[in-house]
Amino acid sequence: MAVKEISQAVIGRLPRYFRFLGELKDAGVERISSQELSQIMNVTASQIRQDFNNFGGFGQQGYGYNVEYLYTEIGKILGMDKTHNLIIIGAGNLGQALANYMNFERRGFIFTGMFDNNPELYGKKIRGMHVRPMEEMADFVRRNNVDIAVLTIPKTSAVKVAAQLTEVGIRGIWNFAHVDLEMPADVKVENVHLSDSLMRLSYMIGRSDENE
């Protein structure tokens, strides 16, 4: 059977649903209506129902949604019921900050190695990982069943490194390099531009000033 194509907008909202439902579950909330969830998330109840209908609905008329069940099912859709082994390419400030962020492991994202091309960093220990030279990356990926690579390197080397990662079987790249990577269809890429987010914030502040 063909897999239903889900829009990027819907996929983009799933992590928010997962996060808010997790908070509700931790607070002891057992069930919630689409209207109540809409007020918490600032998304219309109609949009919530449409989003969930892409995956079968999850709710019962007159009852709403079982919070723990919905949280679990959305987690499965997002792959949170699996463990992903990650490596970080680039042991600078951003790479080290990501490695030290504990919440990733709680979600099943396990950092297993860190690589850099700066000899001065080789052997440095970061959250139990020693920084290794790039020459060791390919063998490490194969031996440790790594499926995701995090790029925190300059854009000048990102394309070349991404090609190397593809050759050794990496399935996903979380790319913080300041360049949009275009990869083969079997390698999924999430391009993250921190400056873009900051500029959007600047725009909103500017618009707010204009309206005062």
N, C-alpha and C. Protein backbone atom coordinates (compact mmCIF):
# COMPACT_ATOMS: atom_id res chain seq x y z
N MET A 1 0.84 -1.18 0.00
CA MET A 1 0.00 0.00 0.00
C MET A 1 0.89 1.25 0.00
N ALA A 2 0.52 2.25 -0.79
CA ALA A 2 1.30 3.46 -0.88
C ALA A 2 1.22 4.25 0.42
N VAL A 3 2.34 4.86 0.81
CA VAL A 3 2.38 5.66 2.02
C VAL A 3 1.78 7.03 1.73
N LYS A 4 0.88 7.48 2.59
CA LYS A 4 0.25 8.78 2.40
C LYS A 4 1.27 9.89 2.55
N GLU A 5 1.26 10.82 1.61
CA GLU A 5 2.19 11.95 1.65
C GLU A 5 1.67 12.98 2.65
N ILE A 6 2.47 13.29 3.65
CA ILE A 6 2.09 14.25 4.68
C ILE A 6 2.81 15.56 4.42
N SER A 7 2.09 16.68 4.52
CA SER A 7 2.69 17.98 4.21
C SER A 7 3.75 18.33 5.25
N GLN A 8 4.73 19.14 4.82
CA GLN A 8 5.80 19.58 5.70
C GLN A 8 5.24 20.42 6.85
N ALA A 9 4.14 21.14 6.60
CA ALA A 9 3.55 21.96 7.65
C ALA A 9 3.05 21.08 8.80
N VAL A 10 2.40 19.98 8.44
CA VAL A 10 1.90 19.04 9.47
C VAL A 10 3.08 18.42 10.21
N ILE A 11 4.08 17.97 9.48
CA ILE A 11 5.26 17.36 10.10
C ILE A 11 5.94 18.35 11.04
N GLY A 12 5.96 19.62 10.63
CA GLY A 12 6.58 20.65 11.45
C GLY A 12 5.86 20.89 12.77
N ARG A 13 4.56 20.58 12.81
CA ARG A 13 3.80 20.77 14.05
C ARG A 13 3.89 19.56 15.00
N LEU A 14 4.24 18.41 14.49
CA LEU A 14 4.27 17.20 15.31
C LEU A 14 5.17 17.32 16.55
N PRO A 15 6.39 17.85 16.41
CA PRO A 15 7.22 17.97 17.62
C PRO A 15 6.60 18.86 18.69
N ARG A 16 5.84 19.89 18.28
CA ARG A 16 5.16 20.75 19.25
C ARG A 16 4.06 19.97 19.97
N TYR A 17 3.29 19.21 19.21
CA TYR A 17 2.27 18.37 19.84
C TYR A 17 2.93 17.44 20.85
N PHE A 18 4.00 16.81 20.44
CA PHE A 18 4.70 15.85 21.30
C PHE A 18 5.18 16.52 22.58
N ARG A 19 5.75 17.72 22.44
CA ARG A 19 6.27 18.44 23.61
C ARG A 19 5.15 18.84 24.57
N PHE A 20 4.08 19.44 24.04
CA PHE A 20 2.99 19.88 24.90
C PHE A 20 2.27 18.69 25.56
N LEU A 21 2.07 17.62 24.80
CA LEU A 21 1.42 16.44 25.37
C LEU A 21 2.28 15.81 26.45
N GLY A 22 3.59 15.85 26.27
CA GLY A 22 4.49 15.34 27.31
C GLY A 22 4.35 16.13 28.60
N GLU A 23 4.21 17.46 28.47
CA GLU A 23 4.03 18.30 29.65
C GLU A 23 2.69 18.01 30.33
N LEU A 24 1.64 17.80 29.52
CA LEU A 24 0.32 17.46 30.08
C LEU A 24 0.36 16.11 30.80
N LYS A 25 1.03 15.14 30.19
CA LYS A 25 1.15 13.81 30.79
C LYS A 25 1.88 13.89 32.13
N ASP A 26 2.97 14.66 32.15
CA ASP A 26 3.74 14.80 33.39
C ASP A 26 2.93 15.51 34.48
N ALA A 27 1.98 16.36 34.04
CA ALA A 27 1.15 17.08 34.99
C ALA A 27 -0.05 16.25 35.46
N GLY A 28 -0.18 15.02 34.94
CA GLY A 28 -1.24 14.14 35.37
C GLY A 28 -2.56 14.29 34.63
N VAL A 29 -2.55 15.02 33.51
CA VAL A 29 -3.76 15.19 32.70
C VAL A 29 -4.01 13.90 31.92
N GLU A 30 -5.20 13.35 32.03
CA GLU A 30 -5.49 12.07 31.40
C GLU A 30 -6.14 12.21 30.03
N ARG A 31 -6.99 13.22 29.85
CA ARG A 31 -7.61 13.41 28.55
C ARG A 31 -7.79 14.89 28.27
N ILE A 32 -7.92 15.20 26.98
CA ILE A 32 -8.03 16.59 26.59
C ILE A 32 -8.79 16.67 25.27
N SER A 33 -9.57 17.72 25.11
CA SER A 33 -10.30 17.92 23.86
C SER A 33 -9.44 18.73 22.90
N SER A 34 -9.81 18.70 21.62
CA SER A 34 -9.07 19.49 20.63
C SER A 34 -9.19 20.97 20.95
N GLN A 35 -10.33 21.39 21.51
CA GLN A 35 -10.50 22.80 21.87
C GLN A 35 -9.57 23.20 23.00
N GLU A 36 -9.45 22.34 24.00
CA GLU A 36 -8.55 22.64 25.11
C GLU A 36 -7.09 22.64 24.64
N LEU A 37 -6.76 21.70 23.79
CA LEU A 37 -5.39 21.64 23.27
C LEU A 37 -5.09 22.85 22.40
N SER A 38 -6.09 23.33 21.67
CA SER A 38 -5.89 24.50 20.81
C SER A 38 -5.57 25.74 21.64
N GLN A 39 -6.19 25.86 22.80
CA GLN A 39 -5.93 27.01 23.66
C GLN A 39 -4.52 26.98 24.22
N ILE A 40 -4.02 25.80 24.49
CA ILE A 40 -2.66 25.66 25.03
C ILE A 40 -1.62 25.93 23.96
N MET A 41 -1.88 25.43 22.74
CA MET A 41 -0.87 25.47 21.68
C MET A 41 -1.02 26.64 20.72
N ASN A 42 -2.11 27.39 20.85
CA ASN A 42 -2.38 28.49 19.93
C ASN A 42 -2.48 28.00 18.48
N VAL A 43 -3.14 26.85 18.30
CA VAL A 43 -3.47 26.28 17.00
C VAL A 43 -4.96 26.00 17.03
N THR A 44 -5.69 26.26 15.95
CA THR A 44 -7.13 26.06 15.98
C THR A 44 -7.48 24.59 16.20
N ALA A 45 -8.63 24.37 16.84
CA ALA A 45 -9.09 23.00 17.08
C ALA A 45 -9.30 22.27 15.76
N SER A 46 -9.79 22.98 14.76
CA SER A 46 -9.99 22.38 13.43
C SER A 46 -8.67 21.92 12.84
N GLN A 47 -7.62 22.74 13.00
CA GLN A 47 -6.30 22.37 12.47
C GLN A 47 -5.76 21.13 13.18
N ILE A 48 -5.96 21.08 14.49
CA ILE A 48 -5.50 19.92 15.26
C ILE A 48 -6.18 18.65 14.76
N ARG A 49 -7.48 18.71 14.59
CA ARG A 49 -8.21 17.53 14.13
C ARG A 49 -7.76 17.11 12.73
N GLN A 50 -7.55 18.10 11.85
CA GLN A 50 -7.07 17.80 10.50
C GLN A 50 -5.70 17.15 10.54
N ASP A 51 -4.82 17.69 11.38
CA ASP A 51 -3.47 17.13 11.50
C ASP A 51 -3.53 15.67 11.96
N PHE A 52 -4.30 15.40 13.00
CA PHE A 52 -4.36 14.05 13.55
C PHE A 52 -5.07 13.09 12.60
N ASN A 53 -6.00 13.59 11.80
CA ASN A 53 -6.69 12.73 10.84
C ASN A 53 -5.75 12.18 9.77
N ASN A 54 -4.61 12.85 9.56
CA ASN A 54 -3.62 12.33 8.63
C ASN A 54 -3.07 10.99 9.09
N PHE A 55 -3.19 10.72 10.39
CA PHE A 55 -2.61 9.51 10.97
C PHE A 55 -3.66 8.60 11.61
N GLY A 56 -4.94 8.87 11.30
CA GLY A 56 -5.99 7.99 11.81
C GLY A 56 -6.92 8.61 12.83
N GLY A 57 -6.61 9.82 13.28
CA GLY A 57 -7.53 10.53 14.17
C GLY A 57 -7.16 10.52 15.63
N PHE A 58 -7.02 9.34 16.25
CA PHE A 58 -6.61 9.16 17.65
C PHE A 58 -7.70 9.45 18.68
N GLY A 59 -8.73 10.22 18.34
CA GLY A 59 -9.70 10.64 19.35
C GLY A 59 -11.01 9.88 19.29
N GLN A 60 -11.85 10.12 20.28
CA GLN A 60 -13.20 9.55 20.33
C GLN A 60 -14.19 10.69 20.53
N GLN A 61 -15.23 10.71 19.69
CA GLN A 61 -16.20 11.77 19.79
C GLN A 61 -16.87 11.76 21.17
N GLY A 62 -16.93 12.94 21.77
CA GLY A 62 -17.51 13.06 23.09
C GLY A 62 -16.53 12.78 24.21
N TYR A 63 -15.35 12.29 23.88
CA TYR A 63 -14.34 11.98 24.89
C TYR A 63 -13.10 12.85 24.72
N GLY A 64 -12.74 13.10 23.48
CA GLY A 64 -11.51 13.83 23.22
C GLY A 64 -10.34 12.88 23.02
N TYR A 65 -9.18 13.25 23.51
CA TYR A 65 -7.96 12.47 23.31
C TYR A 65 -7.41 11.99 24.64
N ASN A 66 -7.03 10.72 24.66
CA ASN A 66 -6.28 10.19 25.79
C ASN A 66 -4.84 10.70 25.67
N VAL A 67 -4.41 11.50 26.65
CA VAL A 67 -3.14 12.21 26.55
C VAL A 67 -1.96 11.25 26.41
N GLU A 68 -1.90 10.24 27.28
CA GLU A 68 -0.76 9.32 27.24
C GLU A 68 -0.73 8.53 25.93
N TYR A 69 -1.89 8.08 25.48
CA TYR A 69 -1.96 7.34 24.22
C TYR A 69 -1.53 8.21 23.05
N LEU A 70 -2.05 9.46 23.01
CA LEU A 70 -1.72 10.36 21.91
C LEU A 70 -0.23 10.70 21.92
N TYR A 71 0.30 10.94 23.11
CA TYR A 71 1.74 11.22 23.25
C TYR A 71 2.57 10.05 22.72
N THR A 72 2.17 8.83 23.07
CA THR A 72 2.90 7.64 22.63
C THR A 72 2.83 7.47 21.12
N GLU A 73 1.62 7.66 20.55
CA GLU A 73 1.44 7.46 19.11
C GLU A 73 2.19 8.50 18.29
N ILE A 74 2.16 9.75 18.72
CA ILE A 74 2.91 10.79 18.00
C ILE A 74 4.41 10.52 18.15
N GLY A 75 4.81 10.03 19.31
CA GLY A 75 6.21 9.66 19.50
C GLY A 75 6.65 8.59 18.52
N LYS A 76 5.77 7.61 18.27
CA LYS A 76 6.09 6.56 17.30
C LYS A 76 6.22 7.14 15.90
N ILE A 77 5.30 8.04 15.55
CA ILE A 77 5.36 8.67 14.22
C ILE A 77 6.68 9.42 14.05
N LEU A 78 7.14 10.06 15.11
CA LEU A 78 8.38 10.83 15.07
C LEU A 78 9.62 9.95 15.24
N GLY A 79 9.40 8.65 15.47
CA GLY A 79 10.53 7.75 15.65
C GLY A 79 11.12 7.78 17.04
N MET A 80 10.36 8.29 18.01
CA MET A 80 10.87 8.39 19.38
C MET A 80 10.87 7.05 20.10
N ASP A 81 10.30 6.02 19.47
CA ASP A 81 10.35 4.69 20.07
C ASP A 81 11.60 3.94 19.64
N LYS A 82 12.46 4.62 18.90
CA LYS A 82 13.73 4.02 18.44
C LYS A 82 14.89 4.82 19.02
N THR A 83 16.05 4.20 19.02
CA THR A 83 17.27 4.88 19.43
C THR A 83 18.09 5.23 18.20
N HIS A 84 18.60 6.45 18.15
CA HIS A 84 19.45 6.88 17.04
C HIS A 84 20.85 7.19 17.57
N ASN A 85 21.85 6.62 16.90
CA ASN A 85 23.24 6.93 17.23
C ASN A 85 23.73 8.08 16.37
N LEU A 86 24.31 9.09 17.02
CA LEU A 86 24.75 10.29 16.32
C LEU A 86 26.24 10.50 16.51
N ILE A 87 26.82 11.19 15.54
CA ILE A 87 28.17 11.73 15.70
C ILE A 87 28.11 13.23 15.42
N ILE A 88 29.06 13.95 15.99
CA ILE A 88 29.18 15.39 15.75
C ILE A 88 30.45 15.63 14.96
N ILE A 89 30.32 16.35 13.86
CA ILE A 89 31.48 16.77 13.08
C ILE A 89 31.71 18.24 13.37
N GLY A 90 32.77 18.53 14.08
CA GLY A 90 33.06 19.90 14.49
C GLY A 90 33.00 20.03 15.99
N ALA A 91 34.17 20.11 16.64
CA ALA A 91 34.24 20.11 18.11
C ALA A 91 34.41 21.50 18.67
N GLY A 92 33.90 22.51 17.96
CA GLY A 92 33.96 23.88 18.46
C GLY A 92 32.89 24.13 19.51
N ASN A 93 32.61 25.41 19.75
CA ASN A 93 31.67 25.77 20.82
C ASN A 93 30.28 25.18 20.61
N LEU A 94 29.76 25.27 19.38
CA LEU A 94 28.42 24.76 19.11
C LEU A 94 28.38 23.24 19.24
N GLY A 95 29.36 22.57 18.67
CA GLY A 95 29.42 21.11 18.76
C GLY A 95 29.47 20.64 20.20
N GLN A 96 30.28 21.31 21.02
CA GLN A 96 30.38 20.93 22.43
C GLN A 96 29.09 21.21 23.18
N ALA A 97 28.44 22.33 22.85
CA ALA A 97 27.17 22.66 23.52
C ALA A 97 26.11 21.61 23.21
N LEU A 98 26.04 21.17 21.96
CA LEU A 98 25.07 20.13 21.59
C LEU A 98 25.38 18.81 22.30
N ALA A 99 26.65 18.47 22.36
CA ALA A 99 27.05 17.23 23.01
C ALA A 99 26.68 17.23 24.49
N ASN A 100 26.68 18.39 25.10
CA ASN A 100 26.42 18.50 26.54
C ASN A 100 24.94 18.69 26.87
N TYR A 101 24.09 18.72 25.85
CA TYR A 101 22.66 18.93 26.09
C TYR A 101 22.01 17.59 26.41
N MET A 102 21.67 17.39 27.67
CA MET A 102 21.22 16.08 28.15
C MET A 102 19.87 15.63 27.57
N ASN A 103 19.02 16.57 27.19
CA ASN A 103 17.66 16.21 26.78
C ASN A 103 17.65 15.35 25.52
N PHE A 104 18.68 15.44 24.68
CA PHE A 104 18.73 14.61 23.48
C PHE A 104 18.70 13.12 23.84
N GLU A 105 19.47 12.74 24.84
CA GLU A 105 19.53 11.33 25.23
C GLU A 105 18.18 10.85 25.76
N ARG A 106 17.46 11.72 26.44
CA ARG A 106 16.13 11.34 26.95
C ARG A 106 15.17 11.05 25.81
N ARG A 107 15.43 11.62 24.64
CA ARG A 107 14.60 11.40 23.47
C ARG A 107 15.11 10.26 22.60
N GLY A 108 16.20 9.62 23.01
CA GLY A 108 16.71 8.49 22.25
C GLY A 108 17.79 8.83 21.25
N PHE A 109 18.32 10.08 21.32
CA PHE A 109 19.40 10.49 20.43
C PHE A 109 20.71 10.40 21.21
N ILE A 110 21.52 9.40 20.86
CA ILE A 110 22.72 9.11 21.63
C ILE A 110 23.97 9.55 20.86
N PHE A 111 24.68 10.52 21.42
CA PHE A 111 25.94 10.93 20.81
C PHE A 111 27.02 9.90 21.13
N THR A 112 27.63 9.38 20.07
CA THR A 112 28.61 8.31 20.26
C THR A 112 30.03 8.73 19.91
N GLY A 113 30.19 9.82 19.17
CA GLY A 113 31.53 10.23 18.77
C GLY A 113 31.56 11.67 18.30
N MET A 114 32.75 12.26 18.36
CA MET A 114 32.94 13.65 17.92
C MET A 114 34.23 13.73 17.12
N PHE A 115 34.17 14.46 16.00
CA PHE A 115 35.32 14.51 15.08
C PHE A 115 35.64 15.95 14.70
N ASP A 116 36.92 16.18 14.43
CA ASP A 116 37.37 17.50 14.02
C ASP A 116 38.68 17.33 13.24
N ASN A 117 39.03 18.39 12.49
CA ASN A 117 40.30 18.34 11.75
C ASN A 117 41.38 19.19 12.41
N ASN A 118 41.14 19.63 13.64
CA ASN A 118 42.12 20.43 14.38
C ASN A 118 42.90 19.53 15.33
N PRO A 119 44.19 19.29 15.05
CA PRO A 119 44.99 18.39 15.90
C PRO A 119 45.04 18.81 17.36
N GLU A 120 44.87 20.12 17.63
CA GLU A 120 44.94 20.60 19.01
C GLU A 120 43.76 20.08 19.85
N LEU A 121 42.70 19.64 19.17
CA LEU A 121 41.52 19.15 19.89
C LEU A 121 41.50 17.64 20.05
N TYR A 122 42.39 16.94 19.34
CA TYR A 122 42.37 15.47 19.40
C TYR A 122 42.60 14.99 20.82
N GLY A 123 41.77 14.10 21.27
CA GLY A 123 41.89 13.53 22.60
C GLY A 123 41.13 14.29 23.67
N LYS A 124 40.65 15.50 23.36
CA LYS A 124 39.88 16.25 24.34
C LYS A 124 38.60 15.48 24.65
N LYS A 125 38.25 15.40 25.94
CA LYS A 125 37.10 14.61 26.35
C LYS A 125 35.89 15.51 26.59
N ILE A 126 34.80 15.19 25.91
CA ILE A 126 33.57 15.97 26.02
C ILE A 126 32.43 14.99 26.28
N ARG A 127 31.82 15.06 27.45
CA ARG A 127 30.75 14.15 27.86
C ARG A 127 31.08 12.69 27.59
N GLY A 128 32.27 12.31 27.93
CA GLY A 128 32.69 10.93 27.78
C GLY A 128 33.21 10.56 26.41
N MET A 129 33.18 11.51 25.47
CA MET A 129 33.67 11.24 24.11
C MET A 129 35.00 11.95 23.90
N HIS A 130 35.94 11.25 23.28
CA HIS A 130 37.19 11.87 22.91
C HIS A 130 37.08 12.40 21.48
N VAL A 131 37.55 13.61 21.26
CA VAL A 131 37.56 14.17 19.91
C VAL A 131 38.55 13.38 19.06
N ARG A 132 38.08 12.93 17.90
CA ARG A 132 38.89 12.10 17.03
C ARG A 132 39.18 12.82 15.71
N PRO A 133 40.26 12.45 15.04
CA PRO A 133 40.53 13.04 13.72
C PRO A 133 39.53 12.55 12.69
N MET A 134 39.31 13.36 11.67
CA MET A 134 38.34 13.02 10.63
C MET A 134 38.68 11.73 9.92
N GLU A 135 39.95 11.39 9.88
CA GLU A 135 40.37 10.16 9.20
C GLU A 135 39.78 8.91 9.84
N GLU A 136 39.37 9.01 11.09
CA GLU A 136 38.80 7.85 11.78
C GLU A 136 37.28 7.77 11.65
N MET A 137 36.68 8.78 11.02
CA MET A 137 35.21 8.88 11.00
C MET A 137 34.54 7.72 10.28
N ALA A 138 35.00 7.37 9.10
CA ALA A 138 34.33 6.35 8.30
C ALA A 138 34.28 5.02 9.03
N ASP A 139 35.40 4.59 9.57
CA ASP A 139 35.45 3.31 10.27
C ASP A 139 34.58 3.35 11.53
N PHE A 140 34.58 4.49 12.22
CA PHE A 140 33.78 4.63 13.43
C PHE A 140 32.29 4.50 13.12
N VAL A 141 31.83 5.14 12.06
CA VAL A 141 30.42 5.08 11.67
C VAL A 141 30.00 3.66 11.40
N ARG A 142 30.82 2.92 10.66
CA ARG A 142 30.48 1.54 10.31
C ARG A 142 30.46 0.64 11.55
N ARG A 143 31.39 0.84 12.46
CA ARG A 143 31.50 -0.04 13.62
C ARG A 143 30.44 0.24 14.68
N ASN A 144 29.91 1.47 14.70
CA ASN A 144 29.00 1.87 15.78
C ASN A 144 27.57 2.11 15.31
N ASN A 145 27.25 1.66 14.11
CA ASN A 145 25.87 1.74 13.61
C ASN A 145 25.32 3.16 13.74
N VAL A 146 26.10 4.14 13.32
CA VAL A 146 25.69 5.54 13.38
C VAL A 146 24.76 5.85 12.21
N ASP A 147 23.62 6.49 12.50
CA ASP A 147 22.72 6.81 11.39
C ASP A 147 22.50 8.30 11.18
N ILE A 148 22.91 9.14 12.16
CA ILE A 148 22.75 10.59 12.01
C ILE A 148 24.07 11.29 12.31
N ALA A 149 24.41 12.28 11.47
CA ALA A 149 25.59 13.10 11.70
C ALA A 149 25.15 14.55 11.90
N VAL A 150 25.78 15.21 12.86
CA VAL A 150 25.51 16.62 13.14
C VAL A 150 26.70 17.42 12.64
N LEU A 151 26.44 18.38 11.75
CA LEU A 151 27.52 19.20 11.19
C LEU A 151 27.55 20.56 11.86
N THR A 152 28.64 20.86 12.54
CA THR A 152 28.83 22.19 13.14
C THR A 152 30.18 22.72 12.65
N ILE A 153 30.32 22.75 11.34
CA ILE A 153 31.58 23.12 10.70
C ILE A 153 31.35 24.26 9.71
N PRO A 154 32.41 24.92 9.27
CA PRO A 154 32.25 26.01 8.28
C PRO A 154 31.65 25.50 6.98
N LYS A 155 30.93 26.37 6.28
CA LYS A 155 30.27 25.96 5.05
C LYS A 155 31.26 25.54 3.97
N THR A 156 32.51 26.02 4.05
CA THR A 156 33.50 25.70 3.04
C THR A 156 33.82 24.21 2.99
N SER A 157 33.65 23.52 4.10
CA SER A 157 33.96 22.09 4.15
C SER A 157 32.72 21.22 4.28
N ALA A 158 31.55 21.83 4.45
CA ALA A 158 30.34 21.07 4.74
C ALA A 158 29.94 20.16 3.58
N VAL A 159 30.02 20.64 2.36
CA VAL A 159 29.60 19.84 1.20
C VAL A 159 30.49 18.61 1.05
N LYS A 160 31.78 18.80 1.19
CA LYS A 160 32.71 17.67 1.07
C LYS A 160 32.47 16.65 2.17
N VAL A 161 32.30 17.12 3.40
CA VAL A 161 32.08 16.21 4.52
C VAL A 161 30.76 15.46 4.35
N ALA A 162 29.72 16.17 3.88
CA ALA A 162 28.43 15.53 3.67
C ALA A 162 28.54 14.40 2.65
N ALA A 163 29.34 14.61 1.61
CA ALA A 163 29.54 13.57 0.61
C ALA A 163 30.24 12.36 1.23
N GLN A 164 31.21 12.60 2.10
CA GLN A 164 31.90 11.49 2.78
C GLN A 164 30.93 10.71 3.67
N LEU A 165 30.05 11.44 4.34
CA LEU A 165 29.07 10.80 5.22
C LEU A 165 28.12 9.91 4.43
N THR A 166 27.73 10.39 3.26
CA THR A 166 26.86 9.60 2.40
C THR A 166 27.52 8.29 2.00
N GLU A 167 28.79 8.34 1.70
CA GLU A 167 29.53 7.16 1.26
C GLU A 167 29.61 6.08 2.35
N VAL A 168 29.58 6.51 3.62
CA VAL A 168 29.71 5.52 4.71
C VAL A 168 28.35 5.11 5.27
N GLY A 169 27.27 5.56 4.64
CA GLY A 169 25.95 5.05 5.00
C GLY A 169 25.16 5.87 5.99
N ILE A 170 25.55 7.10 6.25
CA ILE A 170 24.76 7.97 7.13
C ILE A 170 23.38 8.20 6.51
N ARG A 171 22.33 8.10 7.31
CA ARG A 171 20.97 8.22 6.79
C ARG A 171 20.38 9.62 6.98
N GLY A 172 20.92 10.38 7.92
CA GLY A 172 20.39 11.71 8.18
C GLY A 172 21.48 12.67 8.59
N ILE A 173 21.34 13.94 8.19
CA ILE A 173 22.30 14.98 8.55
C ILE A 173 21.56 16.15 9.18
N TRP A 174 21.97 16.51 10.38
CA TRP A 174 21.45 17.71 11.05
C TRP A 174 22.50 18.78 10.83
N ASN A 175 22.21 19.70 9.93
CA ASN A 175 23.23 20.58 9.37
C ASN A 175 23.15 21.99 9.94
N PHE A 176 24.15 22.36 10.72
CA PHE A 176 24.26 23.72 11.24
C PHE A 176 25.24 24.56 10.43
N ALA A 177 25.87 23.98 9.42
CA ALA A 177 26.76 24.76 8.55
C ALA A 177 25.92 25.75 7.76
N HIS A 178 26.50 26.90 7.46
CA HIS A 178 25.74 27.98 6.82
C HIS A 178 25.65 27.75 5.30
N VAL A 179 25.09 26.60 4.95
CA VAL A 179 24.86 26.27 3.54
C VAL A 179 23.77 25.20 3.50
N ASP A 180 22.85 25.31 2.55
CA ASP A 180 21.82 24.30 2.40
C ASP A 180 22.38 23.12 1.61
N LEU A 181 22.36 21.96 2.24
CA LEU A 181 22.90 20.77 1.59
C LEU A 181 21.83 20.10 0.74
N GLU A 182 22.21 19.69 -0.44
CA GLU A 182 21.33 18.90 -1.31
C GLU A 182 21.94 17.51 -1.43
N MET A 183 21.23 16.52 -0.89
CA MET A 183 21.76 15.19 -0.79
C MET A 183 20.91 14.21 -1.58
N PRO A 184 21.41 12.99 -1.82
CA PRO A 184 20.59 11.95 -2.46
C PRO A 184 19.31 11.71 -1.68
N ALA A 185 18.30 11.19 -2.36
CA ALA A 185 16.98 11.02 -1.75
C ALA A 185 17.01 10.15 -0.50
N ASP A 186 17.95 9.21 -0.41
CA ASP A 186 17.98 8.31 0.74
C ASP A 186 18.73 8.89 1.94
N VAL A 187 19.23 10.11 1.81
CA VAL A 187 19.87 10.80 2.93
C VAL A 187 19.03 12.04 3.26
N LYS A 188 18.43 12.04 4.45
CA LYS A 188 17.55 13.13 4.84
C LYS A 188 18.35 14.23 5.53
N VAL A 189 18.02 15.47 5.22
CA VAL A 189 18.77 16.61 5.76
C VAL A 189 17.83 17.60 6.43
N GLU A 190 18.21 18.05 7.59
CA GLU A 190 17.53 19.16 8.26
C GLU A 190 18.55 20.29 8.36
N ASN A 191 18.35 21.33 7.52
CA ASN A 191 19.25 22.48 7.53
C ASN A 191 18.79 23.47 8.60
N VAL A 192 19.69 23.81 9.52
CA VAL A 192 19.37 24.73 10.61
C VAL A 192 20.23 25.98 10.47
N HIS A 193 19.57 27.13 10.27
CA HIS A 193 20.29 28.40 10.19
C HIS A 193 19.91 29.26 11.38
N LEU A 194 20.76 29.29 12.39
CA LEU A 194 20.45 30.04 13.60
C LEU A 194 20.27 31.52 13.33
N SER A 195 21.05 32.07 12.40
CA SER A 195 20.94 33.50 12.11
C SER A 195 19.59 33.83 11.48
N ASP A 196 19.02 32.90 10.70
CA ASP A 196 17.70 33.13 10.11
C ASP A 196 16.66 33.33 11.20
N SER A 197 16.72 32.50 12.23
CA SER A 197 15.78 32.61 13.34
C SER A 197 15.93 33.94 14.06
N LEU A 198 17.18 34.35 14.26
CA LEU A 198 17.43 35.63 14.93
C LEU A 198 16.94 36.80 14.09
N MET A 199 17.10 36.72 12.76
CA MET A 199 16.62 37.79 11.89
C MET A 199 15.10 37.86 11.86
N ARG A 200 14.43 36.70 11.96
CA ARG A 200 12.97 36.71 12.05
C ARG A 200 12.52 37.42 13.32
N LEU A 201 13.25 37.17 14.42
CA LEU A 201 12.94 37.84 15.67
C LEU A 201 13.15 39.35 15.53
N SER A 202 14.24 39.75 14.87
CA SER A 202 14.51 41.16 14.64
C SER A 202 13.40 41.81 13.83
N TYR A 203 12.92 41.09 12.82
CA TYR A 203 11.82 41.60 11.99
C TYR A 203 10.57 41.83 12.84
N MET A 204 10.24 40.86 13.70
CA MET A 204 9.04 40.99 14.52
C MET A 204 9.14 42.15 15.50
N ILE A 205 10.35 42.37 16.04
CA ILE A 205 10.56 43.50 16.94
C ILE A 205 10.36 44.81 16.17
N GLY A 206 10.91 44.84 14.94
CA GLY A 206 10.76 46.04 14.11
C GLY A 206 9.31 46.33 13.79
N ARG A 207 8.55 45.29 13.44
CA ARG A 207 7.13 45.47 13.14
C ARG A 207 6.37 45.95 14.36
N SER A 208 6.75 45.44 15.52
CA SER A 208 6.10 45.85 16.77
C SER A 208 6.37 47.32 17.04
N ASP A 209 7.61 47.77 16.78
CA ASP A 209 7.95 49.19 16.99
C ASP A 209 7.13 50.09 16.06
N GLU A 210 6.91 49.62 14.82
CA GLU A 210 6.16 50.41 13.85
C GLU A 210 4.70 50.59 14.27
N ASN A 211 4.18 49.60 15.00
CA ASN A 211 2.77 49.62 15.37
C ASN A 211 2.51 50.38 16.68
N GLU A 212 3.57 50.78 17.34
CA GLU A 212 3.37 51.49 18.60
C GLU A 212 3.02 52.96 18.37
